[in-house]
Amino acid sequence: MSPFWSPLVHQLAPYVPGEQPQLANLVKLNTNENPYPPSPKVLDALMAELGGDADRLRLYPDPGATALREGIARVHGLDAEQVFVGNGSDEVLAHAFMALLNHRNGDGTPRPLLFPDITYSFYPTYCRLYGITPQTVPLDERFQVRVDDLIATAQATHAGGVIFPNPNAPTGCGLARAEIERLLTALPDRVVVVDEAYVDFGAESAIPLIAAHPNLLVVHTLSKSRSLAGLRVGFALGHAGLIEALVRVKDSFNSYPLDRLALVGALAAMEDSAWFDQTRGAVIASRQRLTAELTSLGFEVLPSQANFVFARHPAQRGAALQQALRERAIIVRQFSRPERIADHLRITVGTPAQCDALVAALREIV
């Protein structure tokens, strides 16, 4: 703590990312990274951008990320004006919180922002940073998002917006597109942000709803299904008016959020649909096998549409399981809050060999 801090800093409780340990022979299943490398065309694009001459790096990148936005638009059947890109989906979400989810009543009092009580733990952090009042809506007993509860709470509290991941994190449970459309229709005067970081592993995307719903913003990342966590690229899709708000915030913060290598690497990854289908198919197959193996060991596993599973063993404490796995050089994630998920483990779907190592260790432990 320093006497030079601004008052806001004292109020912040920063997000704590998943651990990145430096251990030998580690089976790392705690941060939902894709176990497979990105498309080989990504490396080709990076080398071509440098062209054997690092002199290119003295030049600023395109502040509008024009080629990348056009490429993303082609993949999703949209116009480039409906695409915003940023330094990872976390930055895109941060801009959305500031530009689209921070609303006040006529008397200046804040309108709450709704999100599930068990969800991505960065959302409360953004609320503290931007002075937004959070309003959580409990998941049901099966850890599912209930659209009726979101609608009722939004109407009762005059909420300024709604945000949730689909599939949800850390549960992995997905919400059907028809339910998302019902939410959008019921709340036409509120922005609804659907955070689709994991949607490519089996859930229904809300992107087809954009044309009919100007209040919908869909956020994606290339960190998961495109295996580019190290390049930090995310994007948002929506009506041009929503995208313009994000651009205005970006250009008031950092006009060049993506460097030259990130721009060309991300475009190459988006354009290689064959590699995308192959690697996400492998992850889905491993997830199904891992779920069956955990169930055979007595674990209760939530139905996942993500690249991770959320599981508990009725006879084991979550923290003890996490520690026992760590002693065997296997890292998974356990959340101490809220209390009703404290005994669950969030386990990233790894390669078949990594999943086999995890199951073998759990067989010893339980």
Protein backbone atom coordinates (compact mmCIF):
# COMPACT_ATOMS: atom_id res chain seq x y z
CA MET A 1 0.00 0.00 0.00
CA SER A 2 1.29 3.43 -0.92
CA PRO A 3 0.20 6.92 0.17
CA PHE A 4 0.22 7.85 -3.52
CA TRP A 5 -2.64 5.53 -4.46
CA SER A 6 -5.79 7.04 -5.90
CA PRO A 7 -8.90 6.38 -3.76
CA LEU A 8 -10.24 3.91 -6.34
CA VAL A 9 -7.26 1.59 -5.92
CA HIS A 10 -8.12 0.98 -2.27
CA GLN A 11 -11.53 -0.35 -3.32
CA LEU A 12 -10.28 -2.86 -5.89
CA ALA A 13 -10.08 -6.62 -5.38
CA PRO A 14 -8.28 -7.72 -8.54
CA TYR A 15 -9.14 -10.86 -10.45
CA VAL A 16 -6.82 -13.77 -9.66
CA PRO A 17 -5.95 -15.73 -12.83
CA GLY A 18 -5.25 -19.43 -12.86
CA GLU A 19 -1.82 -20.44 -11.65
CA GLN A 20 0.99 -20.79 -14.19
CA PRO A 21 3.39 -23.02 -12.21
CA GLN A 22 6.88 -23.88 -13.39
CA LEU A 23 7.09 -27.54 -12.40
CA ALA A 24 8.83 -30.40 -14.16
CA ASN A 25 6.64 -33.02 -15.90
CA LEU A 26 3.54 -31.04 -15.09
CA VAL A 27 0.05 -32.06 -16.22
CA LYS A 28 -1.52 -28.61 -16.40
CA LEU A 29 -5.31 -28.77 -16.36
CA ASN A 30 -6.20 -25.57 -14.51
CA THR A 31 -6.54 -22.69 -16.99
CA ASN A 32 -8.58 -24.13 -19.89
CA GLU A 33 -5.85 -23.74 -22.47
CA ASN A 34 -6.28 -25.85 -25.59
CA PRO A 35 -4.01 -28.92 -25.37
CA TYR A 36 -3.35 -28.78 -29.11
CA PRO A 37 -1.19 -26.23 -30.97
CA PRO A 38 -2.72 -23.54 -33.20
CA SER A 39 -3.05 -23.99 -36.92
CA PRO A 40 0.34 -24.35 -38.67
CA LYS A 41 -0.81 -21.48 -40.86
CA VAL A 42 -0.47 -19.19 -37.84
CA LEU A 43 3.31 -19.69 -37.71
CA ASP A 44 3.49 -19.23 -41.47
CA ALA A 45 1.65 -15.92 -41.14
CA LEU A 46 3.91 -14.74 -38.33
CA MET A 47 7.05 -15.52 -40.32
CA ALA A 48 5.63 -13.87 -43.43
CA GLU A 49 4.79 -10.73 -41.48
CA LEU A 50 8.38 -10.44 -40.28
CA GLY A 51 9.59 -11.35 -43.76
CA GLY A 52 13.02 -12.11 -42.41
CA ASP A 53 13.35 -8.47 -41.45
CA ALA A 54 12.35 -7.15 -38.05
CA ASP A 55 12.23 -3.64 -39.50
CA ARG A 56 8.46 -4.08 -39.81
CA LEU A 57 8.23 -4.03 -36.03
CA ARG A 58 9.20 -0.36 -35.89
CA LEU A 59 5.90 0.47 -37.62
CA TYR A 60 2.60 0.77 -35.78
CA PRO A 61 -0.04 -1.86 -36.56
CA ASP A 62 -3.34 -1.00 -38.23
CA PRO A 63 -5.38 0.71 -35.45
CA GLY A 64 -8.60 -0.40 -37.11
CA ALA A 65 -7.50 -4.04 -37.46
CA THR A 66 -9.26 -3.91 -40.83
CA ALA A 67 -8.08 -7.19 -42.34
CA LEU A 68 -8.81 -9.14 -39.17
CA ARG A 69 -12.27 -7.65 -38.71
CA GLU A 70 -13.10 -8.40 -42.34
CA GLY A 71 -11.89 -11.98 -41.90
CA ILE A 72 -13.96 -12.50 -38.76
CA ALA A 73 -16.97 -10.97 -40.51
CA ARG A 74 -16.61 -13.43 -43.41
CA VAL A 75 -16.49 -16.41 -41.05
CA HIS A 76 -19.66 -15.33 -39.26
CA GLY A 77 -21.64 -13.86 -42.15
CA LEU A 78 -21.55 -10.27 -40.87
CA ASP A 79 -20.20 -6.90 -41.99
CA ALA A 80 -16.85 -5.62 -40.76
CA GLU A 81 -18.68 -2.73 -39.05
CA GLN A 82 -20.29 -5.35 -36.80
CA VAL A 83 -16.92 -6.60 -35.51
CA PHE A 84 -14.72 -5.21 -32.74
CA VAL A 85 -11.34 -6.70 -31.82
CA GLY A 86 -9.24 -6.26 -28.70
CA ASN A 87 -6.36 -7.56 -26.63
CA GLY A 88 -8.03 -10.77 -25.51
CA SER A 89 -11.71 -11.11 -24.69
CA ASP A 90 -11.01 -9.72 -21.21
CA GLU A 91 -10.18 -6.33 -22.72
CA VAL A 92 -13.22 -6.55 -25.00
CA LEU A 93 -15.39 -7.31 -21.96
CA ALA A 94 -13.82 -4.46 -20.00
CA HIS A 95 -14.72 -2.03 -22.77
CA ALA A 96 -18.25 -3.45 -22.90
CA PHE A 97 -18.68 -2.89 -19.16
CA MET A 98 -17.65 0.74 -19.56
CA ALA A 99 -19.41 1.48 -22.86
CA LEU A 100 -22.62 -0.55 -22.66
CA LEU A 101 -23.29 -1.85 -19.15
CA ASN A 102 -22.71 1.19 -16.92
CA HIS A 103 -26.08 2.94 -16.69
CA ARG A 104 -27.74 5.38 -14.30
CA ASN A 105 -31.31 6.27 -13.42
CA GLY A 106 -32.63 9.80 -13.97
CA ASP A 107 -31.59 10.75 -10.42
CA GLY A 108 -28.03 9.56 -11.02
CA THR A 109 -28.27 6.35 -9.00
CA PRO A 110 -26.68 3.31 -10.65
CA ARG A 111 -28.81 0.69 -12.37
CA PRO A 112 -27.63 -2.80 -11.43
CA LEU A 113 -25.97 -5.22 -13.82
CA LEU A 114 -27.25 -8.80 -13.70
CA PHE A 115 -25.13 -11.94 -13.93
CA PRO A 116 -25.31 -15.44 -12.40
CA ASP A 117 -24.15 -15.99 -8.83
CA ILE A 118 -21.75 -18.68 -10.06
CA THR A 119 -19.97 -17.37 -13.14
CA TYR A 120 -16.76 -15.84 -14.49
CA SER A 121 -15.17 -14.13 -11.50
CA PHE A 122 -13.86 -11.21 -13.59
CA TYR A 123 -17.39 -9.74 -13.77
CA PRO A 124 -17.43 -8.50 -10.14
CA THR A 125 -13.92 -7.12 -10.67
CA TYR A 126 -15.07 -5.00 -13.62
CA CYS A 127 -18.02 -3.78 -11.56
CA ARG A 128 -15.69 -2.54 -8.82
CA LEU A 129 -13.38 -0.91 -11.35
CA TYR A 130 -16.17 1.01 -13.10
CA GLY A 131 -18.47 1.67 -10.15
CA ILE A 132 -21.22 -0.63 -11.41
CA THR A 133 -23.66 -2.19 -8.95
CA PRO A 134 -23.65 -5.97 -9.39
CA GLN A 135 -26.84 -7.98 -8.95
CA THR A 136 -26.39 -11.74 -8.94
CA VAL A 137 -29.14 -14.15 -9.93
CA PRO A 138 -28.80 -17.68 -8.47
CA LEU A 139 -28.37 -20.68 -10.71
CA ASP A 140 -30.87 -23.45 -10.07
CA GLU A 141 -30.10 -26.63 -8.14
CA ARG A 142 -28.66 -28.19 -11.32
CA PHE A 143 -26.37 -25.17 -11.80
CA GLN A 144 -28.37 -23.97 -14.81
CA VAL A 145 -29.12 -20.37 -15.80
CA ARG A 146 -32.85 -19.67 -15.45
CA VAL A 147 -33.99 -17.14 -18.03
CA ASP A 148 -37.25 -16.50 -16.19
CA ASP A 149 -35.29 -15.44 -13.12
CA LEU A 150 -33.10 -13.09 -15.17
CA ILE A 151 -36.16 -11.48 -16.74
CA ALA A 152 -38.01 -11.10 -13.45
CA THR A 153 -34.98 -9.67 -11.64
CA ALA A 154 -34.19 -7.26 -14.49
CA GLN A 155 -37.72 -5.93 -14.47
CA ALA A 156 -37.93 -5.70 -10.67
CA THR A 157 -34.59 -3.92 -10.24
CA HIS A 158 -34.65 -1.80 -13.43
CA ALA A 159 -31.33 -3.40 -14.32
CA GLY A 160 -29.17 -1.63 -16.85
CA GLY A 161 -27.99 -4.82 -18.55
CA VAL A 162 -27.32 -8.55 -18.37
CA ILE A 163 -24.13 -10.53 -18.93
CA PHE A 164 -23.40 -14.24 -18.71
CA PRO A 165 -21.06 -16.78 -20.29
CA ASN A 166 -22.52 -19.44 -22.55
CA PRO A 167 -21.48 -22.10 -21.74
CA ASN A 168 -21.26 -20.80 -18.21
CA ALA A 169 -17.95 -20.83 -16.37
CA PRO A 170 -16.94 -22.63 -14.26
CA THR A 171 -19.89 -25.02 -14.63
CA GLY A 172 -19.65 -25.70 -18.39
CA CYS A 173 -23.44 -25.79 -18.73
CA GLY A 174 -24.87 -24.26 -21.88
CA LEU A 175 -28.07 -22.30 -22.49
CA ALA A 176 -30.11 -23.03 -25.62
CA ARG A 177 -30.28 -20.31 -28.27
CA ALA A 178 -34.05 -20.23 -28.01
CA GLU A 179 -33.74 -19.29 -24.33
CA ILE A 180 -31.32 -16.50 -25.14
CA GLU A 181 -33.74 -15.20 -27.75
CA ARG A 182 -36.52 -15.25 -25.18
CA LEU A 183 -34.36 -13.13 -22.87
CA LEU A 184 -33.55 -10.64 -25.64
CA THR A 185 -37.19 -10.32 -26.59
CA ALA A 186 -38.29 -9.77 -23.00
CA LEU A 187 -35.63 -7.09 -22.35
CA PRO A 188 -35.40 -5.13 -25.63
CA ASP A 189 -34.24 -1.94 -23.89
CA ARG A 190 -31.30 -3.55 -22.08
CA VAL A 191 -27.99 -4.66 -23.52
CA VAL A 192 -27.44 -8.41 -23.18
CA VAL A 193 -23.81 -9.54 -23.44
CA VAL A 194 -23.27 -13.23 -24.14
CA ASP A 195 -19.68 -14.24 -23.38
CA GLU A 196 -19.02 -17.18 -25.70
CA ALA A 197 -15.44 -18.01 -24.72
CA TYR A 198 -16.20 -21.75 -24.80
CA VAL A 199 -19.12 -21.95 -27.24
CA ASP A 200 -17.15 -23.76 -29.97
CA PHE A 201 -16.96 -26.92 -27.86
CA GLY A 202 -20.63 -27.78 -28.16
CA ALA A 203 -23.03 -24.99 -27.17
CA GLU A 204 -25.36 -23.02 -29.45
CA SER A 205 -23.98 -19.62 -30.43
CA ALA A 206 -26.16 -16.52 -30.17
CA ILE A 207 -24.54 -15.00 -33.26
CA PRO A 208 -27.53 -15.85 -35.53
CA LEU A 209 -29.69 -13.69 -33.25
CA ILE A 210 -27.71 -10.50 -33.89
CA ALA A 211 -29.64 -9.49 -37.02
CA ALA A 212 -32.97 -9.32 -35.17
CA HIS A 213 -31.74 -7.99 -31.83
CA PRO A 214 -29.85 -4.68 -31.70
CA ASN A 215 -29.39 -5.12 -27.93
CA LEU A 216 -27.20 -8.24 -28.28
CA LEU A 217 -23.40 -8.25 -28.04
CA VAL A 218 -21.58 -11.57 -28.45
CA VAL A 219 -17.98 -11.83 -27.23
CA HIS A 220 -15.47 -14.46 -28.41
CA THR A 221 -11.85 -15.29 -27.71
CA LEU A 222 -9.17 -17.01 -29.78
CA SER A 223 -7.54 -18.34 -26.61
CA LYS A 224 -9.61 -21.53 -26.36
CA SER A 225 -10.86 -23.16 -29.57
CA ARG A 226 -8.21 -21.45 -31.74
CA SER A 227 -5.30 -22.26 -29.34
CA LEU A 228 -4.00 -18.69 -29.25
CA ALA A 229 -3.97 -17.83 -25.54
CA GLY A 230 -0.42 -16.54 -26.02
CA LEU A 231 -1.36 -13.99 -28.70
CA ARG A 232 -4.21 -12.32 -26.72
CA VAL A 233 -6.96 -11.72 -29.26
CA GLY A 234 -10.68 -11.40 -28.60
CA PHE A 235 -13.59 -9.93 -30.51
CA ALA A 236 -17.18 -8.79 -30.16
CA LEU A 237 -20.04 -9.05 -32.65
CA GLY A 238 -23.19 -6.96 -32.70
CA HIS A 239 -25.06 -4.13 -34.39
CA ALA A 240 -22.88 -1.28 -35.62
CA GLY A 241 -24.15 1.06 -32.90
CA LEU A 242 -22.86 -1.22 -30.14
CA ILE A 243 -19.54 -1.69 -31.92
CA GLU A 244 -19.12 2.08 -32.31
CA ALA A 245 -19.43 2.47 -28.53
CA LEU A 246 -16.62 -0.04 -28.01
CA VAL A 247 -14.42 1.72 -30.57
CA ARG A 248 -14.96 5.06 -28.83
CA VAL A 249 -13.80 3.57 -25.53
CA LYS A 250 -10.84 1.82 -27.16
CA ASP A 251 -9.65 4.98 -28.85
CA SER A 252 -9.89 6.82 -25.55
CA PHE A 253 -7.70 4.16 -23.94
CA ASN A 254 -5.34 2.55 -26.49
CA SER A 255 -5.62 2.97 -30.24
CA TYR A 256 -3.29 0.01 -30.90
CA PRO A 257 -4.43 -2.90 -28.67
CA LEU A 258 -3.27 -5.60 -31.12
CA ASP A 259 0.29 -5.79 -32.40
CA ARG A 260 1.24 -6.69 -35.95
CA LEU A 261 1.92 -10.35 -35.16
CA ALA A 262 -1.34 -10.81 -33.27
CA LEU A 263 -3.30 -9.36 -36.18
CA VAL A 264 -1.88 -11.70 -38.83
CA GLY A 265 -1.78 -14.75 -36.55
CA ALA A 266 -5.39 -14.32 -35.52
CA LEU A 267 -6.53 -13.94 -39.13
CA ALA A 268 -4.70 -17.13 -40.14
CA ALA A 269 -6.31 -19.03 -37.26
CA MET A 270 -9.80 -17.79 -38.17
CA GLU A 271 -9.38 -18.81 -41.80
CA ASP A 272 -8.17 -22.38 -41.15
CA SER A 273 -11.55 -24.01 -40.57
CA ALA A 274 -10.23 -27.55 -41.15
CA TRP A 275 -7.70 -27.29 -38.29
CA PHE A 276 -10.33 -25.67 -36.08
CA ASP A 277 -12.79 -28.52 -36.68
CA GLN A 278 -10.12 -31.19 -36.16
CA THR A 279 -8.79 -29.89 -32.85
CA ARG A 280 -12.11 -28.97 -31.27
CA GLY A 281 -13.42 -32.40 -32.29
CA ALA A 282 -10.50 -34.00 -30.48
CA VAL A 283 -11.24 -31.96 -27.34
CA ILE A 284 -14.94 -32.90 -27.42
CA ALA A 285 -14.07 -36.61 -27.77
CA SER A 286 -11.66 -36.41 -24.84
CA ARG A 287 -14.26 -34.57 -22.75
CA GLN A 288 -16.79 -37.31 -23.31
CA ARG A 289 -14.28 -40.00 -22.40
CA LEU A 290 -13.07 -38.09 -19.34
CA THR A 291 -16.63 -37.59 -18.14
CA ALA A 292 -17.28 -41.33 -18.37
CA GLU A 293 -14.06 -42.15 -16.52
CA LEU A 294 -14.78 -39.69 -13.70
CA THR A 295 -18.33 -40.98 -13.38
CA SER A 296 -17.00 -44.53 -13.01
CA LEU A 297 -14.88 -43.31 -10.08
CA GLY A 298 -17.96 -41.97 -8.31
CA PHE A 299 -17.68 -38.32 -9.37
CA GLU A 300 -20.75 -36.23 -10.10
CA VAL A 301 -19.97 -34.44 -13.37
CA LEU A 302 -22.09 -31.59 -14.70
CA PRO A 303 -23.04 -31.85 -18.40
CA SER A 304 -20.33 -29.76 -20.07
CA GLN A 305 -20.35 -28.02 -23.42
CA ALA A 306 -16.96 -26.42 -22.78
CA ASN A 307 -13.34 -27.59 -22.88
CA PHE A 308 -13.45 -28.40 -19.18
CA VAL A 309 -15.57 -30.41 -16.78
CA PHE A 310 -16.90 -29.41 -13.36
CA ALA A 311 -16.99 -32.35 -10.99
CA ARG A 312 -17.22 -33.32 -7.32
CA HIS A 313 -16.77 -36.54 -5.40
CA PRO A 314 -19.37 -36.94 -2.62
CA ALA A 315 -16.80 -38.47 -0.27
CA GLN A 316 -13.95 -36.01 -0.89
CA ARG A 317 -13.32 -32.35 -0.15
CA GLY A 318 -12.40 -30.29 -3.18
CA ALA A 319 -9.34 -28.63 -1.64
CA ALA A 320 -7.97 -31.98 -0.46
CA LEU A 321 -8.40 -33.49 -3.92
CA GLN A 322 -6.69 -30.52 -5.54
CA GLN A 323 -3.74 -30.82 -3.16
CA ALA A 324 -3.44 -34.58 -3.61
CA LEU A 325 -3.34 -34.10 -7.38
CA ARG A 326 -0.78 -31.34 -7.05
CA GLU A 327 1.50 -33.68 -5.11
CA ARG A 328 1.38 -35.87 -8.22
CA ALA A 329 2.26 -32.90 -10.49
CA ILE A 330 -1.31 -32.53 -11.80
CA ILE A 331 -2.83 -29.05 -11.51
CA VAL A 332 -6.59 -28.46 -11.54
CA ARG A 333 -8.63 -25.52 -10.25
CA GLN A 334 -10.78 -25.35 -7.13
CA PHE A 335 -12.93 -22.37 -6.13
CA SER A 336 -13.51 -21.68 -2.44
CA ARG A 337 -16.39 -19.27 -3.14
CA PRO A 338 -19.32 -19.52 -3.26
CA GLU A 339 -19.49 -22.28 -0.69
CA ARG A 340 -21.79 -24.55 -2.68
CA ILE A 341 -19.08 -25.15 -5.30
CA ALA A 342 -16.16 -25.45 -2.87
CA ASP A 343 -15.95 -29.23 -3.33
CA HIS A 344 -16.04 -29.07 -7.13
CA LEU A 345 -12.96 -29.22 -9.32
CA ARG A 346 -12.78 -27.49 -12.66
CA ILE A 347 -10.68 -29.75 -14.84
CA THR A 348 -9.44 -28.66 -18.26
CA VAL A 349 -9.78 -31.32 -20.94
CA GLY A 350 -6.24 -32.22 -21.92
CA THR A 351 -4.77 -34.64 -24.43
CA PRO A 352 -5.74 -38.31 -24.06
CA ALA A 353 -2.43 -38.92 -22.28
CA GLN A 354 -3.02 -36.06 -19.84
CA CYS A 355 -6.56 -37.25 -19.13
CA ASP A 356 -5.25 -40.78 -18.55
CA ALA A 357 -2.69 -39.46 -16.05
CA LEU A 358 -5.42 -37.55 -14.21
CA VAL A 359 -7.74 -40.55 -14.02
CA ALA A 360 -4.93 -42.83 -12.83
CA ALA A 361 -4.05 -40.37 -10.06
CA LEU A 362 -7.68 -39.99 -8.99
CA ARG A 363 -8.07 -43.76 -8.92
CA GLU A 364 -5.26 -43.87 -6.35
CA ILE A 365 -6.70 -40.98 -4.33
CA VAL A 366 -10.38 -41.91 -4.13
